[in-house]
Protein backbone atom coordinates (compact mmCIF):
# COMPACT_ATOMS: atom_id res chain seq x y z
CA MET A 1 176.93 -152.76 20.46
CA GLY A 2 174.81 -155.85 20.89
CA LEU A 3 172.05 -156.93 18.56
CA ARG A 4 169.43 -156.32 21.25
CA LYS A 5 170.64 -152.72 21.83
CA ALA A 6 170.71 -152.01 18.08
CA THR A 7 167.15 -153.33 17.70
CA VAL A 8 165.92 -151.19 20.61
CA LEU A 9 167.73 -148.13 19.17
CA ILE A 10 166.18 -148.63 15.69
CA ALA A 11 162.71 -149.20 17.17
CA SER A 12 163.07 -146.04 19.30
CA ILE A 13 164.14 -143.93 16.32
CA SER A 14 161.22 -145.32 14.28
CA LEU A 15 158.73 -144.50 17.06
CA ILE A 16 160.15 -140.98 17.44
CA ALA A 17 159.93 -140.42 13.68
CA PHE A 18 156.39 -141.83 13.53
CA PHE A 19 155.03 -140.03 16.60
CA GLY A 20 157.32 -136.99 16.37
CA CYS A 21 154.57 -134.96 14.70
CA THR A 22 152.97 -132.29 16.91
CA SER A 23 149.33 -131.23 16.94
CA SER A 24 149.87 -129.32 13.70
CA CYS A 25 149.99 -132.54 11.68
CA ALA A 26 146.86 -132.97 9.61
CA VAL A 27 145.65 -135.64 7.28
CA THR A 28 143.35 -134.39 4.54
CA THR A 29 141.82 -136.75 2.06
CA GLU A 30 141.13 -135.21 -1.35
CA PRO A 31 138.19 -136.90 -3.11
CA THR A 32 138.39 -137.93 -6.74
CA ALA A 33 134.74 -137.03 -7.39
CA LYS A 34 132.64 -134.11 -6.11
CA PRO A 35 131.32 -135.37 -2.73
CA ASP A 36 128.06 -134.56 -1.00
CA ILE A 37 130.08 -133.77 2.14
CA THR A 38 133.70 -132.99 2.79
CA ILE A 39 135.45 -134.60 5.74
CA ASN A 40 138.62 -133.10 7.13
CA GLU A 41 140.38 -135.12 9.78
CA THR A 42 142.90 -133.72 12.24
CA ILE A 43 144.79 -136.31 14.19
CA GLU A 44 146.80 -135.11 17.14
CA THR A 45 149.67 -137.31 18.17
CA SER A 46 151.32 -136.73 21.48
CA SER A 47 151.07 -138.22 24.90
CA ALA A 48 147.41 -137.13 24.92
CA PRO A 49 144.72 -139.41 23.45
CA THR A 50 144.12 -139.31 19.69
CA GLU A 51 141.46 -136.75 18.70
CA THR A 52 139.56 -136.76 15.42
CA THR A 53 137.57 -133.73 14.30
CA ILE A 54 135.06 -134.17 11.50
CA VAL A 55 133.87 -131.02 9.75
CA THR A 56 130.92 -131.28 7.40
CA GLU A 57 130.27 -128.65 4.80
CA GLU A 58 127.05 -128.15 2.90
CA ALA A 59 127.30 -129.82 -0.47
CA ALA A 60 127.20 -127.69 -3.58
CA SER A 61 123.65 -127.28 -4.80
CA MET A 62 121.68 -125.85 -7.67
CA VAL A 63 119.35 -123.00 -6.79
CA LEU A 64 116.22 -122.17 -8.81
CA MET A 65 114.82 -118.66 -8.83
CA ILE A 66 111.43 -117.95 -10.39
CA GLY A 67 111.60 -114.21 -10.97
CA ASP A 68 113.01 -112.91 -7.67
CA THR A 69 111.75 -115.87 -5.61
CA GLU A 70 114.08 -118.70 -4.64
CA VAL A 71 112.10 -121.94 -4.56
CA PRO A 72 113.00 -125.19 -2.78
CA VAL A 73 113.80 -127.98 -5.26
CA THR A 74 114.59 -131.65 -4.88
CA TRP A 75 116.75 -132.41 -7.94
CA GLU A 76 116.91 -135.80 -9.65
CA ASP A 77 120.22 -137.67 -9.74
CA ASN A 78 120.73 -138.07 -13.49
CA ALA A 79 122.96 -136.98 -16.38
CA SER A 80 120.56 -134.20 -17.44
CA VAL A 81 120.76 -132.52 -14.03
CA GLU A 82 124.56 -132.87 -14.02
CA GLU A 83 124.73 -131.06 -17.38
CA LEU A 84 122.35 -128.37 -16.09
CA LYS A 85 124.66 -127.84 -13.10
CA THR A 86 127.55 -127.25 -15.51
CA LEU A 87 125.50 -124.73 -17.49
CA ALA A 88 124.33 -123.05 -14.27
CA GLY A 89 127.88 -122.55 -12.96
CA ASN A 90 127.87 -118.88 -13.97
CA GLY A 91 124.11 -118.50 -13.71
CA LEU A 92 121.68 -119.58 -16.42
CA MET A 93 118.67 -117.37 -17.17
CA ILE A 94 115.81 -118.92 -19.12
CA SER A 95 112.70 -117.09 -20.34
CA LEU A 96 109.61 -119.26 -19.91
CA SER A 97 106.30 -118.83 -21.70
CA MET A 98 102.89 -119.98 -20.55
CA TYR A 99 101.56 -122.99 -22.41
CA GLY A 100 98.23 -124.80 -22.03
CA GLU A 101 97.35 -123.09 -18.73
CA PHE A 102 99.26 -125.76 -16.78
CA GLU A 103 102.95 -125.23 -17.58
CA GLN A 104 105.70 -122.76 -18.44
CA VAL A 105 108.22 -123.73 -21.17
CA GLY A 106 111.57 -122.23 -22.18
CA SER A 107 114.67 -123.05 -24.23
CA ILE A 108 117.88 -123.95 -22.41
CA GLY A 109 119.83 -122.76 -25.44
CA GLN A 110 121.39 -126.12 -26.27
CA SER A 111 120.63 -129.82 -26.08
CA ILE A 112 121.63 -131.81 -23.02
CA ALA A 113 121.50 -135.50 -22.13
CA ARG A 114 118.01 -136.93 -21.98
CA ASP A 115 116.33 -140.14 -20.94
CA ASP A 116 112.67 -139.57 -21.83
CA GLU A 117 109.97 -141.71 -20.26
CA GLN A 118 106.20 -141.51 -20.59
CA ILE A 119 105.10 -139.84 -17.33
CA THR A 120 102.17 -137.93 -15.90
CA THR A 121 103.43 -134.73 -14.32
CA SER A 122 101.97 -132.85 -11.39
CA SER A 123 102.30 -129.37 -9.96
CA GLY A 124 105.93 -128.54 -9.14
CA ASP A 125 107.49 -131.03 -11.55
CA ILE A 126 110.50 -129.78 -13.53
CA VAL A 127 111.19 -131.74 -16.70
CA LEU A 128 113.30 -131.67 -19.84
CA TYR A 129 111.37 -131.70 -23.12
CA SER A 130 113.01 -132.59 -26.45
CA GLY A 131 116.46 -132.36 -24.84
CA ASP A 132 116.63 -128.56 -25.02
CA GLN A 133 113.59 -127.13 -23.23
CA ILE A 134 112.84 -126.89 -19.54
CA VAL A 135 109.22 -127.18 -18.45
CA ILE A 136 107.83 -126.29 -15.01
CA PHE A 137 104.31 -127.48 -14.22
CA TYR A 138 101.63 -125.90 -12.10
CA GLY A 139 99.08 -128.39 -13.44
CA SER A 140 99.31 -131.87 -14.93
CA ASN A 141 100.18 -133.41 -18.29
CA SER A 142 101.17 -136.79 -19.72
CA TRP A 143 104.03 -136.96 -22.21
CA ALA A 144 107.56 -138.34 -22.70
CA TYR A 145 109.91 -136.23 -20.55
CA THR A 146 113.14 -136.53 -18.59
CA LYS A 147 112.52 -135.71 -14.94
CA LEU A 148 114.83 -133.01 -13.58
CA GLY A 149 113.33 -132.24 -10.20
CA LYS A 150 110.38 -131.26 -8.06
CA ILE A 151 109.64 -127.84 -6.58
CA ASP A 152 108.59 -128.39 -2.98
CA LEU A 153 105.63 -125.97 -2.95
CA SER A 154 101.86 -126.52 -2.89
CA GLU A 155 99.78 -126.43 -6.06
CA GLU A 156 98.33 -123.08 -4.93
CA GLU A 157 101.83 -121.61 -4.48
CA MET A 158 102.94 -122.96 -7.88
CA THR A 159 99.83 -121.53 -9.58
CA SER A 160 100.46 -118.16 -7.96
CA LEU A 161 104.08 -118.12 -9.22
CA LEU A 162 103.43 -119.37 -12.77
CA SER A 163 99.88 -118.64 -13.94
CA ASN A 164 100.07 -114.84 -14.29
CA GLY A 165 102.12 -114.52 -17.47
CA ASP A 166 105.56 -115.37 -18.77
CA VAL A 167 108.39 -115.63 -16.20
CA THR A 168 112.17 -115.77 -16.16
CA ILE A 169 113.94 -118.43 -14.16
CA THR A 170 117.55 -118.44 -13.07
CA LEU A 171 119.57 -121.56 -12.24
CA ILE A 172 122.70 -121.05 -10.15
CA TYR A 173 125.04 -123.86 -9.19
CA GLN A 174 126.91 -122.93 -6.01
């Protein structure tokens, strides 16, 4: 067999092996860190054009319940929130007590990472105090805290939820 025929034969076998996959072939990329979205790609190889399907899934999130009410929260991107997510994996219930007629305070049960800064809070702010207490504001205060998040409700809604006595909150990371 000539060199040209052998080269053509090897190239043909390589192409058949490379493109021999049917539509059931899938390429899935596994991330090394927890992503905000997951992308699954399916690549069909046949005589038809290549098709890519991108599926987005809602990222895991931490839910905050005040009593029986789920409230919308924008969480900070920091080490304290990451540790809270770990603690909230199986659900974390925290009893809060009214303090100063502008906030509710409760113990997390252990210390977590903190990066305190002097800040002035406003209604809806969620902060970490002394590394082991969570504080939710329905008024304002200035102190050194680590910001955890912001409840996306009006001051009137926050006052209604928090100003009528002690409450229990639940954090769930799902």
